[in-house]
Amino acid sequence: MILLDNGRTKILANEKSGRAFIAFVAAPCLNACPIYKNIGGHSYGTTYSGPIGSVITPHLKDLGEWKHLSYASSLCGNCTEVCAVKINLHELLLDNRSEAVKEGLPPGRRK
């Protein structure tokens, strides 16, 4: 048996973003988000699309290259409202934005 981590341990260690792993299967946020509902998630080039993908992808990959996903949200809260396991997705998107700014990666600048 081979177990592949791909950075998941790092996300699980984060008290806030670690909770996002609970929602991988259901993802009703994809249909509730006005942005993803209209344009779909495939245009973002990530494995996980929608608000849940925007929360975890910058942690699984490189924040400098994927921080823009956290800005691809209206922060209306629809994703949080429909989440079956009550993950505050819009707050986690704000946390990602804050982390990017603290690392000197404001929107529009690449690492």
C-alpha atoms as a PDB file:
ATOM      1  CA  MET A   1       0.000   0.000   0.000  1.00  0.00           C
ATOM      2  CA  ILE A   2       1.237   3.463  -0.879  1.00  0.00           C
ATOM      3  CA  LEU A   3      -0.122   6.538   0.850  1.00  0.00           C
ATOM      4  CA  LEU A   4       0.263   9.830  -0.979  1.00  0.00           C
ATOM      5  CA  ASP A   5       0.258  12.956   1.156  1.00  0.00           C
ATOM      6  CA  ASN A   6       0.647  15.753  -1.450  1.00  0.00           C
ATOM      7  CA  GLY A   7       0.725  18.402   1.284  1.00  0.00           C
ATOM      8  CA  ARG A   8      -2.443  17.291   3.037  1.00  0.00           C
ATOM      9  CA  THR A   9      -0.663  16.858   6.384  1.00  0.00           C
ATOM     10  CA  LYS A  10       0.305  20.531   6.243  1.00  0.00           C
ATOM     11  CA  ILE A  11      -3.326  21.544   5.733  1.00  0.00           C
ATOM     12  CA  LEU A  12      -4.579  19.242   8.474  1.00  0.00           C
ATOM     13  CA  ALA A  13      -2.082  20.835  10.868  1.00  0.00           C
ATOM     14  CA  ASN A  14      -3.689  24.220  10.238  1.00  0.00           C
ATOM     15  CA  GLU A  15      -6.522  24.591  12.727  1.00  0.00           C
ATOM     16  CA  LYS A  16      -8.729  26.557  10.327  1.00  0.00           C
ATOM     17  CA  SER A  17      -8.068  25.105   6.882  1.00  0.00           C
ATOM     18  CA  GLY A  18      -7.776  21.526   8.169  1.00  0.00           C
ATOM     19  CA  ARG A  19     -11.520  21.386   8.654  1.00  0.00           C
ATOM     20  CA  ALA A  20     -11.982  21.873   4.906  1.00  0.00           C
ATOM     21  CA  PHE A  21     -10.999  18.252   4.213  1.00  0.00           C
ATOM     22  CA  ILE A  22     -14.316  17.090   5.617  1.00  0.00           C
ATOM     23  CA  ALA A  23     -16.156  18.578   2.640  1.00  0.00           C
ATOM     24  CA  PHE A  24     -14.286  16.964  -0.261  1.00  0.00           C
ATOM     25  CA  VAL A  25     -17.076  14.624  -1.298  1.00  0.00           C
ATOM     26  CA  ALA A  26     -20.283  16.604  -0.981  1.00  0.00           C
ATOM     27  CA  ALA A  27     -19.291  20.030  -2.406  1.00  0.00           C
ATOM     28  CA  PRO A  28     -22.768  21.608  -2.592  1.00  0.00           C
ATOM     29  CA  CYS A  29     -20.890  24.899  -2.494  1.00  0.00           C
ATOM     30  CA  LEU A  30     -20.200  24.458  -6.221  1.00  0.00           C
ATOM     31  CA  ASN A  31     -23.876  24.915  -7.042  1.00  0.00           C
ATOM     32  CA  ALA A  32     -24.512  27.663  -4.503  1.00  0.00           C
ATOM     33  CA  CYS A  33     -21.629  29.972  -5.372  1.00  0.00           C
ATOM     34  CA  PRO A  34     -22.749  32.607  -7.897  1.00  0.00           C
ATOM     35  CA  ILE A  35     -19.285  32.705  -9.468  1.00  0.00           C
ATOM     36  CA  TYR A  36     -18.701  28.972  -9.881  1.00  0.00           C
ATOM     37  CA  LYS A  37     -22.327  28.316 -10.762  1.00  0.00           C
ATOM     38  CA  ASN A  38     -21.982  30.572 -13.810  1.00  0.00           C
ATOM     39  CA  ILE A  39     -18.452  29.924 -15.037  1.00  0.00           C
ATOM     40  CA  GLY A  40     -17.643  26.505 -13.608  1.00  0.00           C
ATOM     41  CA  GLY A  41     -14.504  25.429 -11.852  1.00  0.00           C
ATOM     42  CA  HIS A  42     -12.509  23.948 -14.705  1.00  0.00           C
ATOM     43  CA  SER A  43     -11.406  27.363 -15.925  1.00  0.00           C
ATOM     44  CA  TYR A  44      -9.290  27.684 -12.776  1.00  0.00           C
ATOM     45  CA  GLY A  45      -7.067  24.743 -13.676  1.00  0.00           C
ATOM     46  CA  THR A  46      -7.179  22.947 -10.334  1.00  0.00           C
ATOM     47  CA  THR A  47      -8.149  19.475  -9.213  1.00  0.00           C
ATOM     48  CA  TYR A  48     -10.661  20.769  -6.688  1.00  0.00           C
ATOM     49  CA  SER A  49     -13.031  23.434  -7.947  1.00  0.00           C
ATOM     50  CA  GLY A  50     -15.488  25.807  -6.348  1.00  0.00           C
ATOM     51  CA  PRO A  51     -15.152  27.485  -2.989  1.00  0.00           C
ATOM     52  CA  ILE A  52     -13.721  24.356  -1.359  1.00  0.00           C
ATOM     53  CA  GLY A  53     -11.035  24.208  -4.034  1.00  0.00           C
ATOM     54  CA  SER A  54     -10.268  27.893  -3.562  1.00  0.00           C
ATOM     55  CA  VAL A  55      -9.715  27.250   0.131  1.00  0.00           C
ATOM     56  CA  ILE A  56      -7.451  24.217  -0.105  1.00  0.00           C
ATOM     57  CA  THR A  57      -5.538  24.605  -3.400  1.00  0.00           C
ATOM     58  CA  PRO A  58      -3.295  27.461  -2.172  1.00  0.00           C
ATOM     59  CA  HIS A  59      -2.301  25.201   0.739  1.00  0.00           C
ATOM     60  CA  LEU A  60      -1.785  22.073  -1.372  1.00  0.00           C
ATOM     61  CA  LYS A  61       0.232  23.915  -3.982  1.00  0.00           C
ATOM     62  CA  ASP A  62       2.030  27.249  -3.823  1.00  0.00           C
ATOM     63  CA  LEU A  63       0.238  30.184  -2.207  1.00  0.00           C
ATOM     64  CA  GLY A  64       2.114  32.623  -4.439  1.00  0.00           C
ATOM     65  CA  GLU A  65       0.832  30.950  -7.599  1.00  0.00           C
ATOM     66  CA  TRP A  66      -2.682  30.064  -6.405  1.00  0.00           C
ATOM     67  CA  LYS A  67      -3.647  32.943  -4.095  1.00  0.00           C
ATOM     68  CA  HIS A  68      -5.858  34.371  -6.829  1.00  0.00           C
ATOM     69  CA  LEU A  69      -8.410  31.611  -6.181  1.00  0.00           C
ATOM     70  CA  SER A  70      -9.230  33.126  -2.796  1.00  0.00           C
ATOM     71  CA  TYR A  71     -10.156  36.345  -4.565  1.00  0.00           C
ATOM     72  CA  ALA A  72     -12.477  34.567  -7.018  1.00  0.00           C
ATOM     73  CA  SER A  73     -15.396  34.844  -4.642  1.00  0.00           C
ATOM     74  CA  SER A  74     -18.106  37.352  -3.865  1.00  0.00           C
ATOM     75  CA  LEU A  75     -17.929  36.321  -0.171  1.00  0.00           C
ATOM     76  CA  CYS A  76     -21.732  36.260  -0.172  1.00  0.00           C
ATOM     77  CA  GLY A  77     -21.729  33.270   2.190  1.00  0.00           C
ATOM     78  CA  ASN A  78     -23.912  30.982   0.053  1.00  0.00           C
ATOM     79  CA  CYS A  79     -21.179  28.338   0.138  1.00  0.00           C
ATOM     80  CA  THR A  80     -21.115  28.383   3.929  1.00  0.00           C
ATOM     81  CA  GLU A  81     -24.892  28.341   4.131  1.00  0.00           C
ATOM     82  CA  VAL A  82     -25.262  25.141   2.073  1.00  0.00           C
ATOM     83  CA  CYS A  83     -22.254  23.288   3.482  1.00  0.00           C
ATOM     84  CA  ALA A  84     -23.528  20.052   4.997  1.00  0.00           C
ATOM     85  CA  VAL A  85     -20.728  19.983   7.558  1.00  0.00           C
ATOM     86  CA  LYS A  86     -20.945  23.714   8.345  1.00  0.00           C
ATOM     87  CA  ILE A  87     -17.504  24.799   7.183  1.00  0.00           C
ATOM     88  CA  ASN A  88     -17.209  28.585   7.116  1.00  0.00           C
ATOM     89  CA  LEU A  89     -15.845  28.637   3.601  1.00  0.00           C
ATOM     90  CA  HIS A  90     -16.182  32.368   3.063  1.00  0.00           C
ATOM     91  CA  GLU A  91     -14.219  32.995   6.269  1.00  0.00           C
ATOM     92  CA  LEU A  92     -11.510  30.558   5.159  1.00  0.00           C
ATOM     93  CA  LEU A  93     -11.272  32.439   1.860  1.00  0.00           C
ATOM     94  CA  LEU A  94     -10.716  35.616   3.862  1.00  0.00           C
ATOM     95  CA  ASP A  95      -8.055  33.834   5.918  1.00  0.00           C
ATOM     96  CA  ASN A  96      -6.281  32.839   2.698  1.00  0.00           C
ATOM     97  CA  ARG A  97      -6.422  36.430   1.481  1.00  0.00           C
ATOM     98  CA  SER A  98      -5.014  37.652   4.784  1.00  0.00           C
ATOM     99  CA  GLU A  99      -2.221  35.069   4.687  1.00  0.00           C
ATOM    100  CA  ALA A 100      -1.303  36.119   1.149  1.00  0.00           C
ATOM    101  CA  VAL A 101      -1.101  39.789   2.135  1.00  0.00           C
ATOM    102  CA  LYS A 102       1.002  38.960   5.218  1.00  0.00           C
ATOM    103  CA  GLU A 103       3.424  37.129   2.933  1.00  0.00           C
ATOM    104  CA  GLY A 104       3.598  40.171   0.650  1.00  0.00           C
ATOM    105  CA  LEU A 105       1.441  38.604  -2.059  1.00  0.00           C
ATOM    106  CA  PRO A 106      -1.399  41.068  -2.636  1.00  0.00           C
ATOM    107  CA  PRO A 107      -3.816  40.453  -5.524  1.00  0.00           C
ATOM    108  CA  GLY A 108      -2.329  40.988  -8.952  1.00  0.00           C
ATOM    109  CA  ARG A 109       1.244  40.108  -7.939  1.00  0.00           C
ATOM    110  CA  ARG A 110       2.797  36.726  -8.478  1.00  0.00           C
ATOM    111  CA  LYS A 111       5.455  35.266  -6.272  1.00  0.00           C
END
